């Protein structure tokens, strides 16, 4: 069996982490009591940036680092 291509894996992750509104809502419920508008947070290993997006929505300043070039470019 052939392994999925990198782009296929990224698209699968995108559908799970960036497009699933229930996932994003659960992250917001988790982070909202912990992070306030204006807080500086670091997202190390940001992957597709789902946590970064939620933290920005809350109003935090986000520094996101992603070591994988294919993901960092997104």
PDB file of N, CA and C in Angstrom:
ATOM      1  N   UNK A   1       0.847  -1.183   0.000  1.00  0.00           N
ATOM      2  CA  UNK A   1       0.000   0.000   0.000  1.00  0.00           C
ATOM      3  C   UNK A   1       0.886   1.239   0.000  1.00  0.00           C
ATOM      4  N   UNK A   2       0.596   2.161  -0.855  1.00  0.00           N
ATOM      5  CA  UNK A   2       1.374   3.384  -0.990  1.00  0.00           C
ATOM      6  C   UNK A   2       0.991   4.381   0.110  1.00  0.00           C
ATOM      7  N   UNK A   3       2.006   5.014   0.692  1.00  0.00           N
ATOM      8  CA  UNK A   3       1.763   6.038   1.714  1.00  0.00           C
ATOM      9  C   UNK A   3       1.139   7.266   1.067  1.00  0.00           C
ATOM     10  N   UNK A   4       0.237   7.950   1.783  1.00  0.00           N
ATOM     11  CA  UNK A   4      -0.374   9.153   1.211  1.00  0.00           C
ATOM     12  C   UNK A   4       0.678  10.232   0.987  1.00  0.00           C
ATOM     13  N   UNK A   5       0.438  11.049  -0.013  1.00  0.00           N
ATOM     14  CA  UNK A   5       1.371  12.137  -0.293  1.00  0.00           C
ATOM     15  C   UNK A   5       1.271  13.190   0.805  1.00  0.00           C
ATOM     16  N   UNK A   6       2.294  14.000   0.893  1.00  0.00           N
ATOM     17  CA  UNK A   6       2.315  15.067   1.888  1.00  0.00           C
ATOM     18  C   UNK A   6       1.121  15.998   1.715  1.00  0.00           C
ATOM     19  N   UNK A   7       0.809  16.340   0.469  1.00  0.00           N
ATOM     20  CA  UNK A   7      -0.307  17.264   0.253  1.00  0.00           C
ATOM     21  C   UNK A   7      -1.637  16.626   0.639  1.00  0.00           C
ATOM     22  N   UNK A   8      -1.767  15.315   0.442  1.00  0.00           N
ATOM     23  CA  UNK A   8      -2.998  14.635   0.858  1.00  0.00           C
ATOM     24  C   UNK A   8      -3.122  14.662   2.378  1.00  0.00           C
ATOM     25  N   UNK A   9      -2.006  14.454   3.069  1.00  0.00           N
ATOM     26  CA  UNK A   9      -2.021  14.509   4.528  1.00  0.00           C
ATOM     27  C   UNK A   9      -2.345  15.890   5.051  1.00  0.00           C
ATOM     28  N   UNK A  10      -1.799  16.901   4.394  1.00  0.00           N
ATOM     29  CA  UNK A  10      -2.088  18.283   4.800  1.00  0.00           C
ATOM     30  C   UNK A  10      -3.562  18.601   4.591  1.00  0.00           C
ATOM     31  N   UNK A  11      -4.118  18.180   3.481  1.00  0.00           N
ATOM     32  CA  UNK A  11      -5.548  18.435   3.228  1.00  0.00           C
ATOM     33  C   UNK A  11      -6.426  17.717   4.241  1.00  0.00           C
ATOM     34  N   UNK A  12      -6.041  16.490   4.606  1.00  0.00           N
ATOM     35  CA  UNK A  12      -6.801  15.759   5.616  1.00  0.00           C
ATOM     36  C   UNK A  12      -6.726  16.503   6.948  1.00  0.00           C
ATOM     37  N   UNK A  13      -5.534  16.939   7.327  1.00  0.00           N
ATOM     38  CA  UNK A  13      -5.383  17.704   8.568  1.00  0.00           C
ATOM     39  C   UNK A  13      -6.168  19.006   8.508  1.00  0.00           C
ATOM     40  N   UNK A  14      -6.152  19.660   7.373  1.00  0.00           N
ATOM     41  CA  UNK A  14      -6.888  20.919   7.203  1.00  0.00           C
ATOM     42  C   UNK A  14      -8.371  20.712   7.472  1.00  0.00           C
ATOM     43  N   UNK A  15      -8.926  19.623   6.959  1.00  0.00           N
ATOM     44  CA  UNK A  15     -10.361  19.373   7.154  1.00  0.00           C
ATOM     45  C   UNK A  15     -10.672  19.095   8.619  1.00  0.00           C
ATOM     46  N   UNK A  16      -9.726  18.487   9.326  1.00  0.00           N
ATOM     47  CA  UNK A  16      -9.947  18.173  10.736  1.00  0.00           C
ATOM     48  C   UNK A  16      -9.709  19.383  11.624  1.00  0.00           C
ATOM     49  N   UNK A  17      -8.603  20.089  11.393  1.00  0.00           N
ATOM     50  CA  UNK A  17      -8.188  21.121  12.332  1.00  0.00           C
ATOM     51  C   UNK A  17      -8.636  22.535  11.993  1.00  0.00           C
ATOM     52  N   UNK A  18      -8.838  22.862  10.736  1.00  0.00           N
ATOM     53  CA  UNK A  18      -9.190  24.244  10.387  1.00  0.00           C
ATOM     54  C   UNK A  18     -10.635  24.404   9.950  1.00  0.00           C
ATOM     55  N   UNK A  19     -11.249  23.354   9.444  1.00  0.00           N
ATOM     56  CA  UNK A  19     -12.597  23.485   8.906  1.00  0.00           C
ATOM     57  C   UNK A  19     -13.675  22.929   9.832  1.00  0.00           C
ATOM     58  N   UNK A  20     -13.296  22.160  10.820  1.00  0.00           N
ATOM     59  CA  UNK A  20     -14.270  21.568  11.740  1.00  0.00           C
ATOM     60  C   UNK A  20     -14.621  22.592  12.821  1.00  0.00           C
ATOM     61  N   UNK A  21     -15.786  23.159  12.714  1.00  0.00           N
ATOM     62  CA  UNK A  21     -16.212  24.211  13.643  1.00  0.00           C
ATOM     63  C   UNK A  21     -16.348  23.703  15.074  1.00  0.00           C
ATOM     64  N   UNK A  22     -16.694  22.436  15.257  1.00  0.00           N
ATOM     65  CA  UNK A  22     -16.788  21.881  16.620  1.00  0.00           C
ATOM     66  C   UNK A  22     -15.407  21.843  17.272  1.00  0.00           C
ATOM     67  N   UNK A  23     -14.402  21.474  16.487  1.00  0.00           N
ATOM     68  CA  UNK A  23     -13.024  21.450  17.008  1.00  0.00           C
ATOM     69  C   UNK A  23     -12.588  22.855  17.420  1.00  0.00           C
ATOM     70  N   UNK A  24     -12.823  23.827  16.551  1.00  0.00           N
ATOM     71  CA  UNK A  24     -12.430  25.204  16.854  1.00  0.00           C
ATOM     72  C   UNK A  24     -13.189  25.745  18.065  1.00  0.00           C
ATOM     73  N   UNK A  25     -14.471  25.408  18.175  1.00  0.00           N
ATOM     74  CA  UNK A  25     -15.268  25.854  19.318  1.00  0.00           C
ATOM     75  C   UNK A  25     -14.751  25.230  20.618  1.00  0.00           C
ATOM     76  N   UNK A  26     -14.330  23.965  20.562  1.00  0.00           N
ATOM     77  CA  UNK A  26     -13.814  23.330  21.773  1.00  0.00           C
ATOM     78  C   UNK A  26     -12.485  23.960  22.201  1.00  0.00           C
ATOM     79  N   UNK A  27     -11.634  24.330  21.227  1.00  0.00           N
ATOM     80  CA  UNK A  27     -10.400  25.030  21.566  1.00  0.00           C
ATOM     81  C   UNK A  27     -10.702  26.379  22.208  1.00  0.00           C
ATOM     82  N   UNK A  28     -11.672  27.081  21.672  1.00  0.00           N
ATOM     83  CA  UNK A  28     -12.022  28.384  22.234  1.00  0.00           C
ATOM     84  C   UNK A  28     -12.559  28.243  23.659  1.00  0.00           C
ATOM     85  N   UNK A  29     -13.389  27.236  23.899  1.00  0.00           N
ATOM     86  CA  UNK A  29     -13.889  27.012  25.265  1.00  0.00           C
ATOM     87  C   UNK A  29     -12.740  26.703  26.224  1.00  0.00           C
ATOM     88  N   UNK A  30     -11.739  25.973  25.749  1.00  0.00           N
ATOM     89  CA  UNK A  30     -10.600  25.637  26.590  1.00  0.00           C
ATOM     90  C   UNK A  30      -9.736  26.858  26.893  1.00  0.00           C
ATOM     91  N   UNK A  31      -9.398  27.637  25.856  1.00  0.00           N
ATOM     92  CA  UNK A  31      -8.437  28.728  26.013  1.00  0.00           C
ATOM     93  C   UNK A  31      -9.032  30.018  26.578  1.00  0.00           C
ATOM     94  N   UNK A  32     -10.315  30.264  26.355  1.00  0.00           N
ATOM     95  CA  UNK A  32     -10.896  31.552  26.759  1.00  0.00           C
ATOM     96  C   UNK A  32     -10.705  31.861  28.251  1.00  0.00           C
ATOM     97  N   UNK A  33     -10.869  30.902  29.171  1.00  0.00           N
ATOM     98  CA  UNK A  33     -10.636  31.233  30.593  1.00  0.00           C
ATOM     99  C   UNK A  33      -9.160  31.440  30.929  1.00  0.00           C
ATOM    100  N   UNK A  34      -8.272  30.982  30.075  1.00  0.00           N
ATOM    101  CA  UNK A  34      -6.840  31.023  30.365  1.00  0.00           C
ATOM    102  C   UNK A  34      -6.117  32.208  29.729  1.00  0.00           C
ATOM    103  N   UNK A  35      -6.626  32.680  28.609  1.00  0.00           N
ATOM    104  CA  UNK A  35      -5.939  33.696  27.808  1.00  0.00           C
ATOM    105  C   UNK A  35      -6.849  34.911  27.663  1.00  0.00           C
ATOM    106  N   UNK A  36      -6.305  36.065  27.939  1.00  0.00           N
ATOM    107  CA  UNK A  36      -7.067  37.313  27.832  1.00  0.00           C
ATOM    108  C   UNK A  36      -6.593  38.121  26.622  1.00  0.00           C
ATOM    109  N   UNK A  37      -7.444  39.019  26.155  1.00  0.00           N
ATOM    110  CA  UNK A  37      -7.079  39.913  25.052  1.00  0.00           C
ATOM    111  C   UNK A  37      -5.807  40.662  25.428  1.00  0.00           C
ATOM    112  N   UNK A  38      -4.869  40.698  24.492  1.00  0.00           N
ATOM    113  CA  UNK A  38      -3.603  41.379  24.713  1.00  0.00           C
ATOM    114  C   UNK A  38      -2.498  40.492  25.253  1.00  0.00           C
ATOM    115  N   UNK A  39      -2.833  39.298  25.769  1.00  0.00           N
ATOM    116  CA  UNK A  39      -1.792  38.374  26.242  1.00  0.00           C
ATOM    117  C   UNK A  39      -0.896  37.968  25.073  1.00  0.00           C
ATOM    118  N   UNK A  40       0.362  37.714  25.389  1.00  0.00           N
ATOM    119  CA  UNK A  40       1.303  37.195  24.407  1.00  0.00           C
ATOM    120  C   UNK A  40       1.401  35.687  24.616  1.00  0.00           C
ATOM    121  N   UNK A  41       1.118  34.918  23.575  1.00  0.00           N
ATOM    122  CA  UNK A  41       1.190  33.459  23.663  1.00  0.00           C
ATOM    123  C   UNK A  41       2.071  32.930  22.538  1.00  0.00           C
ATOM    124  N   UNK A  42       2.652  31.775  22.773  1.00  0.00           N
ATOM    125  CA  UNK A  42       3.507  31.123  21.796  1.00  0.00           C
ATOM    126  C   UNK A  42       2.858  29.809  21.390  1.00  0.00           C
ATOM    127  N   UNK A  43       2.752  29.566  20.099  1.00  0.00           N
ATOM    128  CA  UNK A  43       2.235  28.314  19.569  1.00  0.00           C
ATOM    129  C   UNK A  43       3.419  27.604  18.920  1.00  0.00           C
ATOM    130  N   UNK A  44       4.061  26.721  19.687  1.00  0.00           N
ATOM    131  CA  UNK A  44       5.252  26.023  19.216  1.00  0.00           C
ATOM    132  C   UNK A  44       4.806  24.723  18.554  1.00  0.00           C
ATOM    133  N   UNK A  45       5.214  24.542  17.297  1.00  0.00           N
ATOM    134  CA  UNK A  45       4.719  23.398  16.521  1.00  0.00           C
ATOM    135  C   UNK A  45       3.298  23.691  16.080  1.00  0.00           C
ATOM    136  N   UNK A  46       3.120  24.827  15.452  1.00  0.00           N
ATOM    137  CA  UNK A  46       1.783  25.361  15.158  1.00  0.00           C
ATOM    138  C   UNK A  46       0.965  24.522  14.180  1.00  0.00           C
ATOM    139  N   UNK A  47       1.600  23.615  13.451  1.00  0.00           N
ATOM    140  CA  UNK A  47       0.913  22.764  12.483  1.00  0.00           C
ATOM    141  C   UNK A  47       0.155  23.649  11.508  1.00  0.00           C
ATOM    142  N   UNK A  48      -1.156  23.567  11.460  1.00  0.00           N
ATOM    143  CA  UNK A  48      -1.934  24.386  10.522  1.00  0.00           C
ATOM    144  C   UNK A  48      -2.459  25.675  11.145  1.00  0.00           C
ATOM    145  N   UNK A  49      -2.147  25.895  12.396  1.00  0.00           N
ATOM    146  CA  UNK A  49      -2.511  27.164  13.020  1.00  0.00           C
ATOM    147  C   UNK A  49      -3.899  27.225  13.615  1.00  0.00           C
ATOM    148  N   UNK A  50      -4.514  26.080  13.890  1.00  0.00           N
ATOM    149  CA  UNK A  50      -5.855  26.118  14.475  1.00  0.00           C
ATOM    150  C   UNK A  50      -5.846  26.782  15.846  1.00  0.00           C
ATOM    151  N   UNK A  51      -4.859  26.452  16.663  1.00  0.00           N
ATOM    152  CA  UNK A  51      -4.778  27.093  17.975  1.00  0.00           C
ATOM    153  C   UNK A  51      -4.428  28.575  17.826  1.00  0.00           C
ATOM    154  N   UNK A  52      -3.522  28.891  16.928  1.00  0.00           N
ATOM    155  CA  UNK A  52      -3.167  30.291  16.685  1.00  0.00           C
ATOM    156  C   UNK A  52      -4.395  31.099  16.278  1.00  0.00           C
ATOM    157  N   UNK A  53      -5.215  30.540  15.402  1.00  0.00           N
ATOM    158  CA  UNK A  53      -6.420  31.234  14.938  1.00  0.00           C
ATOM    159  C   UNK A  53      -7.388  31.492  16.087  1.00  0.00           C
ATOM    160  N   UNK A  54      -7.569  30.505  16.939  1.00  0.00           N
ATOM    161  CA  UNK A  54      -8.478  30.662  18.079  1.00  0.00           C
ATOM    162  C   UNK A  54      -7.922  31.684  19.070  1.00  0.00           C
ATOM    163  N   UNK A  55      -6.629  31.606  19.328  1.00  0.00           N
ATOM    164  CA  UNK A  55      -6.018  32.563  20.258  1.00  0.00           C
ATOM    165  C   UNK A  55      -6.106  33.987  19.726  1.00  0.00           C
ATOM    166  N   UNK A  56      -5.932  34.165  18.421  1.00  0.00           N
ATOM    167  CA  UNK A  56      -6.096  35.495  17.812  1.00  0.00           C
ATOM    168  C   UNK A  56      -7.546  35.957  17.934  1.00  0.00           C
ATOM    169  N   UNK A  57      -8.484  35.040  17.756  1.00  0.00           N
ATOM    170  CA  UNK A  57      -9.907  35.395  17.878  1.00  0.00           C
ATOM    171  C   UNK A  57     -10.206  35.905  19.290  1.00  0.00           C
ATOM    172  N   UNK A  58      -9.574  35.308  20.278  1.00  0.00           N
ATOM    173  CA  UNK A  58      -9.739  35.741  21.663  1.00  0.00           C
ATOM    174  C   UNK A  58      -9.111  37.117  21.877  1.00  0.00           C
ATOM    175  N   UNK A  59      -8.137  37.465  21.042  1.00  0.00           N
ATOM    176  CA  UNK A  59      -7.498  38.771  21.142  1.00  0.00           C
ATOM    177  C   UNK A  59      -6.056  38.715  21.591  1.00  0.00           C
ATOM    178  N   UNK A  60      -5.512  37.520  21.692  1.00  0.00           N
ATOM    179  CA  UNK A  60      -4.118  37.381  22.109  1.00  0.00           C
ATOM    180  C   UNK A  60      -3.177  37.746  20.963  1.00  0.00           C
ATOM    181  N   UNK A  61      -1.979  38.143  21.351  1.00  0.00           N
ATOM    182  CA  UNK A  61      -0.894  38.310  20.385  1.00  0.00           C
ATOM    183  C   UNK A  61      -0.201  36.961  20.304  1.00  0.00           C
ATOM    184  N   UNK A  62      -0.001  36.444  19.098  1.00  0.00           N
ATOM    185  CA  UNK A  62       0.488  35.076  18.928  1.00  0.00           C
ATOM    186  C   UNK A  62       1.794  35.056  18.152  1.00  0.00           C
ATOM    187  N   UNK A  63       2.765  34.330  18.696  1.00  0.00           N
ATOM    188  CA  UNK A  63       3.988  33.998  17.973  1.00  0.00           C
ATOM    189  C   UNK A  63       3.877  32.504  17.677  1.00  0.00           C
ATOM    190  N   UNK A  64       3.773  32.164  16.387  1.00  0.00           N
ATOM    191  CA  UNK A  64       3.602  30.766  15.985  1.00  0.00           C
ATOM    192  C   UNK A  64       4.856  30.289  15.260  1.00  0.00           C
ATOM    193  N   UNK A  65       5.350  29.128  15.665  1.00  0.00           N
ATOM    194  CA  UNK A  65       6.523  28.532  15.037  1.00  0.00           C
ATOM    195  C   UNK A  65       6.152  27.141  14.524  1.00  0.00           C
ATOM    196  N   UNK A  66       6.493  26.858  13.277  1.00  0.00           N
ATOM    197  CA  UNK A  66       6.239  25.555  12.676  1.00  0.00           C
ATOM    198  C   UNK A  66       7.478  25.135  11.908  1.00  0.00           C
ATOM    199  N   UNK A  67       8.118  24.018  12.301  1.00  0.00           N
ATOM    200  CA  UNK A  67       9.360  23.611  11.655  1.00  0.00           C
ATOM    201  C   UNK A  67       9.194  22.943  10.288  1.00  0.00           C
ATOM    202  N   UNK A  68       8.013  22.449   9.965  1.00  0.00           N
ATOM    203  CA  UNK A  68       7.816  21.773   8.692  1.00  0.00           C
ATOM    204  C   UNK A  68       7.522  22.807   7.595  1.00  0.00           C
ATOM    205  N   UNK A  69       8.390  22.943   6.623  1.00  0.00           N
ATOM    206  CA  UNK A  69       8.227  23.989   5.594  1.00  0.00           C
ATOM    207  C   UNK A  69       6.867  23.957   4.892  1.00  0.00           C
ATOM    208  N   UNK A  70       6.366  22.778   4.580  1.00  0.00           N
ATOM    209  CA  UNK A  70       5.088  22.696   3.865  1.00  0.00           C
ATOM    210  C   UNK A  70       3.946  23.262   4.709  1.00  0.00           C
ATOM    211  N   UNK A  71       4.009  23.063   6.006  1.00  0.00           N
ATOM    212  CA  UNK A  71       2.968  23.594   6.893  1.00  0.00           C
ATOM    213  C   UNK A  71       3.215  25.063   7.210  1.00  0.00           C
ATOM    214  N   UNK A  72       4.458  25.439   7.403  1.00  0.00           N
ATOM    215  CA  UNK A  72       4.785  26.827   7.733  1.00  0.00           C
ATOM    216  C   UNK A  72       4.331  27.770   6.631  1.00  0.00           C
ATOM    217  N   UNK A  73       4.388  27.310   5.390  1.00  0.00           N
ATOM    218  CA  UNK A  73       4.006  28.167   4.260  1.00  0.00           C
ATOM    219  C   UNK A  73       2.502  28.437   4.231  1.00  0.00           C
ATOM    220  N   UNK A  74       1.726  27.612   4.927  1.00  0.00           N
ATOM    221  CA  UNK A  74       0.274  27.830   4.952  1.00  0.00           C
ATOM    222  C   UNK A  74      -0.087  28.902   5.946  1.00  0.00           C
TER     223      UNK A  74
END
